[in-house]
Amino acid sequence: MQLKSILNFVQPHQGFVYGAVHQRNKGQRTVLDIEIRPRKNRQPVCSRCGKPGPGYDTLPVRRFEFVPL
């Protein structure tokens, strides 16, 4: 099973698609960088109120830590 399939099963994000997966070393740890992008032909939805909005977040790329696998 591919990593993207596992992520879609464990942590689905409606309206988004998992993109490229990159592996890198950070000291003694191995880190996976996974890109998430908006799904094409899908109207954006506000994360606060749940209503359709004019566009997705356009802030610079950010990193989040997830539960270690």
N, C-alpha and C. Protein backbone atom coordinates (compact mmCIF):
# COMPACT_ATOMS: atom_id res chain seq x y z
N MET A 1 0.85 -1.18 0.00
CA MET A 1 0.00 0.00 0.00
C MET A 1 0.90 1.24 0.00
N GLN A 2 0.56 2.22 -0.80
CA GLN A 2 1.36 3.43 -0.89
C GLN A 2 1.04 4.37 0.27
N LEU A 3 1.99 5.24 0.57
CA LEU A 3 1.85 6.18 1.68
C LEU A 3 0.64 7.09 1.49
N LYS A 4 0.40 7.57 0.27
CA LYS A 4 -0.74 8.45 0.01
C LYS A 4 -2.06 7.74 0.32
N SER A 5 -2.15 6.46 -0.01
CA SER A 5 -3.35 5.67 0.29
C SER A 5 -3.57 5.55 1.79
N ILE A 6 -2.49 5.33 2.52
CA ILE A 6 -2.57 5.22 3.98
C ILE A 6 -3.03 6.56 4.56
N LEU A 7 -2.45 7.66 4.09
CA LEU A 7 -2.84 8.98 4.59
C LEU A 7 -4.30 9.29 4.29
N ASN A 8 -4.78 8.93 3.10
CA ASN A 8 -6.19 9.16 2.78
C ASN A 8 -7.12 8.34 3.67
N PHE A 9 -6.66 7.18 4.10
CA PHE A 9 -7.46 6.34 5.00
C PHE A 9 -7.44 6.87 6.43
N VAL A 10 -6.24 7.26 6.91
CA VAL A 10 -6.06 7.67 8.30
C VAL A 10 -6.44 9.13 8.51
N GLN A 11 -6.07 10.02 7.58
CA GLN A 11 -6.25 11.46 7.76
C GLN A 11 -6.79 12.09 6.47
N PRO A 12 -8.06 11.84 6.14
CA PRO A 12 -8.60 12.43 4.91
C PRO A 12 -8.87 13.93 5.07
N HIS A 13 -8.58 14.68 4.02
CA HIS A 13 -8.85 16.12 3.99
C HIS A 13 -9.76 16.37 2.81
N GLN A 14 -11.05 16.61 3.07
CA GLN A 14 -11.98 16.83 1.98
C GLN A 14 -11.60 18.09 1.22
N GLY A 15 -11.63 18.01 -0.10
CA GLY A 15 -11.30 19.15 -0.93
C GLY A 15 -9.82 19.31 -1.20
N PHE A 16 -8.99 18.40 -0.66
CA PHE A 16 -7.55 18.49 -0.85
C PHE A 16 -7.00 17.14 -1.31
N VAL A 17 -5.82 17.19 -1.93
CA VAL A 17 -5.16 16.00 -2.45
C VAL A 17 -3.74 15.99 -1.91
N TYR A 18 -3.27 14.81 -1.51
CA TYR A 18 -1.87 14.68 -1.10
C TYR A 18 -1.01 14.71 -2.36
N GLY A 19 0.04 15.50 -2.33
CA GLY A 19 0.94 15.64 -3.49
C GLY A 19 2.23 14.88 -3.29
N ALA A 20 3.32 15.53 -3.62
CA ALA A 20 4.64 14.90 -3.56
C ALA A 20 5.04 14.56 -2.13
N VAL A 21 5.76 13.46 -1.98
CA VAL A 21 6.28 13.02 -0.69
C VAL A 21 7.80 13.03 -0.76
N HIS A 22 8.43 13.71 0.20
CA HIS A 22 9.89 13.79 0.24
C HIS A 22 10.38 13.29 1.59
N GLN A 23 11.44 12.52 1.57
CA GLN A 23 12.05 12.00 2.80
C GLN A 23 13.36 12.74 3.03
N ARG A 24 13.58 13.19 4.28
CA ARG A 24 14.85 13.85 4.61
C ARG A 24 15.24 13.47 6.03
N ASN A 25 16.51 13.64 6.34
CA ASN A 25 17.01 13.35 7.67
C ASN A 25 17.16 14.64 8.45
N LYS A 26 16.71 14.61 9.69
CA LYS A 26 16.82 15.76 10.59
C LYS A 26 17.51 15.25 11.85
N GLY A 27 18.82 15.33 11.84
CA GLY A 27 19.59 14.77 12.95
C GLY A 27 19.49 13.26 12.91
N GLN A 28 19.03 12.66 14.00
CA GLN A 28 18.87 11.21 14.09
C GLN A 28 17.52 10.73 13.56
N ARG A 29 16.63 11.67 13.23
CA ARG A 29 15.27 11.32 12.82
C ARG A 29 15.11 11.39 11.30
N THR A 30 14.21 10.58 10.79
CA THR A 30 13.81 10.66 9.39
C THR A 30 12.48 11.40 9.34
N VAL A 31 12.38 12.40 8.46
CA VAL A 31 11.20 13.24 8.38
C VAL A 31 10.59 13.09 6.99
N LEU A 32 9.26 13.00 6.92
CA LEU A 32 8.54 12.98 5.65
C LEU A 32 7.89 14.33 5.44
N ASP A 33 8.17 14.97 4.31
CA ASP A 33 7.49 16.20 3.92
C ASP A 33 6.46 15.83 2.86
N ILE A 34 5.20 16.11 3.15
CA ILE A 34 4.11 15.74 2.25
C ILE A 34 3.36 17.00 1.87
N GLU A 35 3.25 17.24 0.57
CA GLU A 35 2.55 18.42 0.09
C GLU A 35 1.05 18.14 0.02
N ILE A 36 0.26 19.14 0.39
CA ILE A 36 -1.19 19.05 0.28
C ILE A 36 -1.63 20.22 -0.58
N ARG A 37 -2.43 19.92 -1.62
CA ARG A 37 -2.89 20.98 -2.52
C ARG A 37 -4.40 20.89 -2.69
N PRO A 38 -5.05 22.01 -3.05
CA PRO A 38 -6.50 21.97 -3.26
C PRO A 38 -6.87 21.08 -4.44
N ARG A 39 -8.00 20.42 -4.32
CA ARG A 39 -8.50 19.58 -5.40
C ARG A 39 -9.01 20.49 -6.53
N LYS A 40 -8.71 20.14 -7.76
CA LYS A 40 -9.16 20.94 -8.89
C LYS A 40 -10.67 20.83 -9.03
N ASN A 41 -11.28 21.89 -9.55
CA ASN A 41 -12.73 21.94 -9.79
C ASN A 41 -13.55 21.73 -8.53
N ARG A 42 -13.04 22.19 -7.41
CA ARG A 42 -13.78 22.10 -6.14
C ARG A 42 -13.81 23.48 -5.51
N GLN A 43 -14.98 23.93 -5.10
CA GLN A 43 -15.09 25.25 -4.50
C GLN A 43 -14.53 25.23 -3.09
N PRO A 44 -13.73 26.24 -2.71
CA PRO A 44 -13.16 26.30 -1.37
C PRO A 44 -14.24 26.43 -0.30
N VAL A 45 -13.96 25.86 0.89
CA VAL A 45 -14.89 25.92 2.02
C VAL A 45 -14.15 26.50 3.22
N CYS A 46 -14.79 27.44 3.92
CA CYS A 46 -14.21 28.06 5.10
C CYS A 46 -14.05 27.02 6.21
N SER A 47 -12.86 26.96 6.83
CA SER A 47 -12.63 25.98 7.89
C SER A 47 -13.36 26.35 9.18
N ARG A 48 -13.75 27.60 9.32
CA ARG A 48 -14.43 28.04 10.54
C ARG A 48 -15.94 27.82 10.45
N CYS A 49 -16.59 28.38 9.40
CA CYS A 49 -18.05 28.33 9.32
C CYS A 49 -18.57 27.23 8.41
N GLY A 50 -17.69 26.68 7.54
CA GLY A 50 -18.11 25.60 6.65
C GLY A 50 -18.82 26.06 5.40
N LYS A 51 -18.91 27.37 5.16
CA LYS A 51 -19.59 27.90 3.98
C LYS A 51 -18.58 28.08 2.85
N PRO A 52 -19.07 28.00 1.60
CA PRO A 52 -18.17 28.24 0.46
C PRO A 52 -17.57 29.64 0.51
N GLY A 53 -16.30 29.75 0.10
CA GLY A 53 -15.61 31.03 0.13
C GLY A 53 -15.01 31.38 -1.22
N PRO A 54 -14.40 32.56 -1.32
CA PRO A 54 -13.87 33.02 -2.60
C PRO A 54 -12.55 32.37 -3.02
N GLY A 55 -11.76 31.86 -2.11
CA GLY A 55 -10.47 31.27 -2.49
C GLY A 55 -9.79 30.58 -1.34
N TYR A 56 -8.80 29.78 -1.67
CA TYR A 56 -8.04 29.07 -0.65
C TYR A 56 -6.99 29.96 -0.02
N ASP A 57 -6.42 29.48 1.05
CA ASP A 57 -5.34 30.13 1.77
C ASP A 57 -4.16 30.36 0.82
N THR A 58 -3.65 31.57 0.80
CA THR A 58 -2.52 31.88 -0.09
C THR A 58 -1.27 32.26 0.70
N LEU A 59 -1.19 31.89 1.97
CA LEU A 59 -0.02 32.17 2.79
C LEU A 59 1.15 31.31 2.34
N PRO A 60 2.38 31.66 2.75
CA PRO A 60 3.53 30.84 2.37
C PRO A 60 3.43 29.42 2.94
N VAL A 61 4.27 28.53 2.43
CA VAL A 61 4.28 27.13 2.87
C VAL A 61 4.62 27.06 4.35
N ARG A 62 3.90 26.18 5.07
CA ARG A 62 4.12 26.00 6.51
C ARG A 62 4.37 24.52 6.79
N ARG A 63 5.00 24.24 7.91
CA ARG A 63 5.25 22.85 8.33
C ARG A 63 4.46 22.56 9.60
N PHE A 64 3.90 21.36 9.65
CA PHE A 64 3.18 20.90 10.82
C PHE A 64 3.72 19.54 11.21
N GLU A 65 3.79 19.30 12.50
CA GLU A 65 4.22 17.97 12.97
C GLU A 65 2.99 17.11 13.19
N PHE A 66 3.12 15.85 12.83
CA PHE A 66 2.05 14.89 12.94
C PHE A 66 2.50 13.77 13.87
N VAL A 67 1.59 12.97 14.34
CA VAL A 67 1.92 11.85 15.22
C VAL A 67 2.92 10.95 14.52
N PRO A 68 4.03 10.62 15.17
CA PRO A 68 5.04 9.77 14.52
C PRO A 68 4.49 8.40 14.19
N LEU A 69 4.86 7.88 13.04
CA LEU A 69 4.41 6.53 12.62
C LEU A 69 5.45 5.51 13.00
